[in-house]
């Protein structure tokens, strides 16, 4: 009987490290703003009209989180830009764009919140 009690305690101790808080797992996993497969290009864009984003450019640094992605894009001048996930970019135009994971649409945008 003591053997089974000891076996149970040992099994619980082995299993316990794998049971972590979901927030802790998110901190360990890299932030993937645009998991694709269609809108898989992270961009910082200006105006958004019907799925097209204007004045788009790649973020200067890879975003570490949704908040970081928003801050990185907002710091791009002359006009603050919004983080977007687009199918592709032609010049400064982002085509078929949506909000990245964890970034919510502004009032008037058609995108549903992702995340």
Protein backbone atom coordinates (compact mmCIF):
# COMPACT_ATOMS: atom_id res chain seq x y z
CA UNK A 1 0.00 0.00 0.00
CA UNK A 2 2.85 2.39 0.81
CA UNK A 3 4.34 1.55 -2.58
CA UNK A 4 1.18 2.74 -4.37
CA UNK A 5 1.03 5.93 -2.29
CA UNK A 6 4.68 6.63 -3.10
CA UNK A 7 4.06 5.86 -6.78
CA UNK A 8 1.10 8.27 -6.81
CA UNK A 9 3.14 11.07 -5.23
CA UNK A 10 6.00 10.50 -7.68
CA UNK A 11 3.64 10.53 -10.67
CA UNK A 12 2.01 13.74 -9.43
CA UNK A 13 5.42 15.39 -9.00
CA UNK A 14 6.45 14.46 -12.53
CA UNK A 15 3.18 15.71 -14.02
CA UNK A 16 3.07 18.99 -12.05
CA UNK A 17 5.75 20.93 -13.97
CA UNK A 18 3.79 20.49 -17.20
CA UNK A 19 0.67 22.02 -15.69
CA UNK A 20 1.42 25.74 -16.01
CA UNK A 21 -0.66 28.84 -16.24
CA UNK A 22 -1.71 29.76 -19.79
CA UNK A 23 -0.32 33.29 -19.35
CA UNK A 24 3.08 31.83 -18.50
CA UNK A 25 2.99 29.72 -21.67
CA UNK A 26 2.22 32.83 -23.71
CA UNK A 27 5.27 34.54 -22.24
CA UNK A 28 7.47 31.63 -23.33
CA UNK A 29 6.04 31.27 -26.83
CA UNK A 30 7.01 33.86 -29.45
CA UNK A 31 4.26 36.27 -30.52
CA UNK A 32 2.98 35.42 -34.00
CA UNK A 33 0.77 38.33 -35.06
CA UNK A 34 -0.23 36.89 -38.43
CA UNK A 35 -0.47 33.10 -38.27
CA UNK A 36 -1.79 32.92 -41.86
CA UNK A 37 -2.17 31.09 -44.15
CA UNK A 38 -3.67 33.99 -46.15
CA UNK A 39 -2.99 37.20 -44.22
CA UNK A 40 0.49 36.27 -43.04
CA UNK A 41 2.46 39.48 -43.68
CA UNK A 42 2.76 41.84 -40.66
CA UNK A 43 2.73 45.48 -41.76
CA UNK A 44 2.31 48.93 -40.27
CA UNK A 45 -0.28 50.81 -42.34
CA UNK A 46 -2.04 54.15 -42.48
CA UNK A 47 -5.62 54.43 -43.69
CA UNK A 48 -7.76 51.31 -43.97
CA UNK A 49 -10.55 51.14 -46.56
CA UNK A 50 -12.46 47.94 -47.39
CA UNK A 51 -9.65 45.49 -46.72
CA UNK A 52 -6.99 47.66 -48.34
CA UNK A 53 -4.42 49.46 -46.22
CA UNK A 54 -2.44 52.43 -47.48
CA UNK A 55 1.09 53.68 -46.77
CA UNK A 56 2.17 50.24 -45.52
CA UNK A 57 5.66 49.26 -44.50
CA UNK A 58 7.22 46.40 -42.60
CA UNK A 59 7.67 47.00 -38.87
CA UNK A 60 11.25 48.09 -38.12
CA UNK A 61 11.59 45.37 -35.46
CA UNK A 62 9.73 42.07 -35.05
CA UNK A 63 6.86 42.64 -32.60
CA UNK A 64 7.16 40.88 -29.25
CA UNK A 65 3.44 41.23 -28.38
CA UNK A 66 0.22 42.82 -29.64
CA UNK A 67 0.93 45.87 -27.47
CA UNK A 68 4.47 46.10 -28.81
CA UNK A 69 3.25 45.75 -32.42
CA UNK A 70 0.79 48.62 -31.85
CA UNK A 71 3.49 50.80 -30.25
CA UNK A 72 6.07 50.07 -32.97
CA UNK A 73 3.60 51.03 -35.70
CA UNK A 74 2.33 54.11 -33.84
CA UNK A 75 5.91 55.42 -33.61
CA UNK A 76 6.38 55.43 -37.40
CA UNK A 77 6.21 59.01 -38.66
CA UNK A 78 5.04 61.22 -40.33
CA UNK A 79 1.65 59.59 -39.66
CA UNK A 80 1.13 57.05 -36.90
CA UNK A 81 0.29 53.69 -38.40
CA UNK A 82 -1.79 50.70 -37.30
CA UNK A 83 -0.60 47.08 -37.16
CA UNK A 84 -2.14 44.96 -39.91
CA UNK A 85 -1.85 41.43 -41.34
CA UNK A 86 -2.06 41.49 -45.11
CA UNK A 87 -1.99 38.91 -47.88
CA UNK A 88 0.74 40.83 -49.65
CA UNK A 89 2.05 44.32 -50.30
CA UNK A 90 2.27 46.12 -53.62
CA UNK A 91 4.35 49.24 -53.16
CA UNK A 92 2.79 50.96 -50.16
CA UNK A 93 -0.58 49.21 -50.52
CA UNK A 94 -1.47 46.30 -48.24
CA UNK A 95 -3.98 43.96 -49.90
CA UNK A 96 -6.67 41.98 -48.05
CA UNK A 97 -5.70 43.14 -44.56
CA UNK A 98 -7.05 42.29 -41.11
CA UNK A 99 -6.08 43.11 -37.54
CA UNK A 100 -3.29 41.00 -36.01
CA UNK A 101 -3.88 38.61 -33.13
CA UNK A 102 -4.58 40.60 -29.97
CA UNK A 103 -5.20 43.93 -31.76
CA UNK A 104 -8.76 45.18 -31.89
CA UNK A 105 -10.40 47.20 -34.66
CA UNK A 106 -10.85 50.93 -34.28
CA UNK A 107 -14.32 52.40 -34.47
CA UNK A 108 -15.45 52.34 -38.10
CA UNK A 109 -13.18 49.46 -39.15
CA UNK A 110 -14.88 46.35 -40.47
CA UNK A 111 -12.45 43.85 -38.96
CA UNK A 112 -13.70 41.59 -36.23
CA UNK A 113 -11.35 41.48 -33.24
CA UNK A 114 -8.82 38.66 -33.39
CA UNK A 115 -7.30 37.00 -30.40
